Protein backbone atom coordinates (compact mmCIF):
# COMPACT_ATOMS: atom_id res chain seq x y z
CA MET A 1 -30.81 113.81 21.48
CA GLY A 2 -31.46 115.62 17.47
CA ASP A 3 -34.71 116.36 16.18
CA GLU A 4 -36.68 114.74 13.50
CA ASN A 5 -34.83 116.72 10.64
CA ASP A 6 -31.45 115.97 11.60
CA ILE A 7 -31.83 112.01 11.89
CA LEU A 8 -33.64 111.98 8.80
CA GLU A 9 -30.94 114.17 7.24
CA PHE A 10 -28.19 112.11 8.70
CA ALA A 11 -30.08 108.44 7.37
CA THR A 12 -30.49 110.31 4.02
CA GLU A 13 -26.54 111.03 4.06
CA TRP A 14 -25.75 107.58 5.19
CA ALA A 15 -28.11 105.85 3.21
CA PRO A 16 -26.09 105.04 0.20
CA TYR A 17 -23.61 103.52 2.68
CA GLY A 18 -25.88 101.43 4.69
CA GLY A 19 -26.12 103.73 7.24
CA ASN A 20 -23.43 104.53 10.21
CA ASP A 21 -24.47 103.20 13.42
CA ASP A 22 -21.25 104.11 15.19
CA GLU A 23 -21.78 107.58 14.26
CA ALA A 24 -25.16 108.10 14.88
CA PHE A 25 -24.75 106.49 18.27
CA VAL A 26 -22.12 109.46 18.92
CA ARG A 27 -24.20 112.27 17.18
CA PHE A 28 -27.60 111.29 18.73
CA GLY A 29 -26.79 108.81 21.58
CA LEU A 30 -28.98 106.29 20.53
CA SER A 31 -28.26 102.88 19.85
CA SER A 32 -29.12 100.97 16.55
CA LYS A 33 -31.90 99.56 17.89
CA GLU A 34 -33.25 102.83 18.90
CA PHE A 35 -31.77 105.01 16.03
CA HIS A 36 -33.75 102.60 13.54
CA THR A 37 -36.77 102.63 15.83
CA ARG A 38 -37.24 106.03 15.54
CA LEU A 39 -35.99 106.52 12.10
CA MET A 40 -39.06 103.83 10.81
CA ARG A 41 -41.80 106.07 12.95
CA LEU A 42 -40.30 109.24 11.04
CA LEU A 43 -40.38 107.68 7.84
CA GLY A 44 -44.31 107.82 8.07
CA SER A 45 -44.77 111.38 9.39
CA PRO A 46 -45.12 114.81 7.71
CA ALA A 47 -41.37 115.40 8.41
CA ALA A 48 -40.22 112.88 5.69
CA ARG A 49 -42.54 114.30 3.01
CA ALA A 50 -39.91 115.94 1.12
CA LEU A 51 -37.75 112.51 0.92
CA SER A 52 -38.13 111.15 -2.20
CA LYS A 53 -40.24 107.85 -2.80
CA SER A 54 -36.80 105.70 -3.61
CA THR A 55 -35.11 107.21 -0.48
CA LEU A 56 -38.39 106.15 1.49
CA VAL A 57 -38.00 102.57 0.26
CA GLU A 58 -34.21 102.15 0.95
CA LEU A 59 -34.50 103.92 4.44
CA ARG A 60 -37.52 101.53 5.48
CA HIS A 61 -35.21 98.04 4.34
CA GLN A 62 -32.46 99.35 6.08
CA CYS A 63 -34.53 100.10 9.23
CA ILE A 64 -36.15 96.60 8.73
CA ASP A 65 -32.49 94.89 8.29
CA ARG A 66 -31.16 96.64 11.10
CA LEU A 67 -34.19 95.69 14.17
CA ASN A 68 -34.47 92.38 12.61
CA ARG A 69 -30.31 92.02 13.36
CA ALA A 70 -30.90 93.54 16.58
CA GLY A 71 -33.73 91.15 17.39
CA ALA A 72 -36.49 93.74 17.59
CA TRP A 73 -39.99 91.73 17.12
CA ASP A 74 -41.65 94.49 16.37
CA ALA A 75 -39.84 95.35 12.87
CA ARG A 76 -42.66 94.28 10.94
CA SER A 77 -45.39 96.60 12.46
CA LEU A 78 -43.20 99.56 12.52
CA ALA A 79 -42.64 99.01 8.83
CA SER A 80 -46.27 98.51 7.76
CA GLU A 81 -47.01 101.54 10.00
CA GLY A 82 -45.12 103.69 8.18
CA THR A 83 -45.83 102.15 5.12
CA ARG A 84 -49.92 103.25 6.19
CA ARG A 85 -48.71 106.49 6.89
CA LEU A 86 -46.91 107.05 3.82
CA GLY A 87 -50.07 105.69 1.74
CA ALA A 88 -48.21 103.11 0.02
CA THR A 89 -50.36 99.82 -1.01
C-alpha cells in the first residue's frame, strides 16, 4: 500500500478527471471504497496542508460521491470529520 503522500499525489493528479478507481486499485491495492475512505481521512491530516483549498474541496466532493455510490453509510461523518480537521465552518 502507498503512503499518505503517494495517495494524496495520485488523487490530486487524477482529480481533474474525476479520479481513476481502476488505477488506484492497481497502484495501491485498494477498492474504490477503501481508497476514498482513506483519502477522506488524509484530507484532514497534516499531510494535506500543502494542497490548495480548492483541491481539498474537489477531493472531498469526489470522496463523498464515491462513498455514497459504494453505499458507505459513514460518508457524511467522514466528510464532517475532514472539515473539522481543516478548520472549515
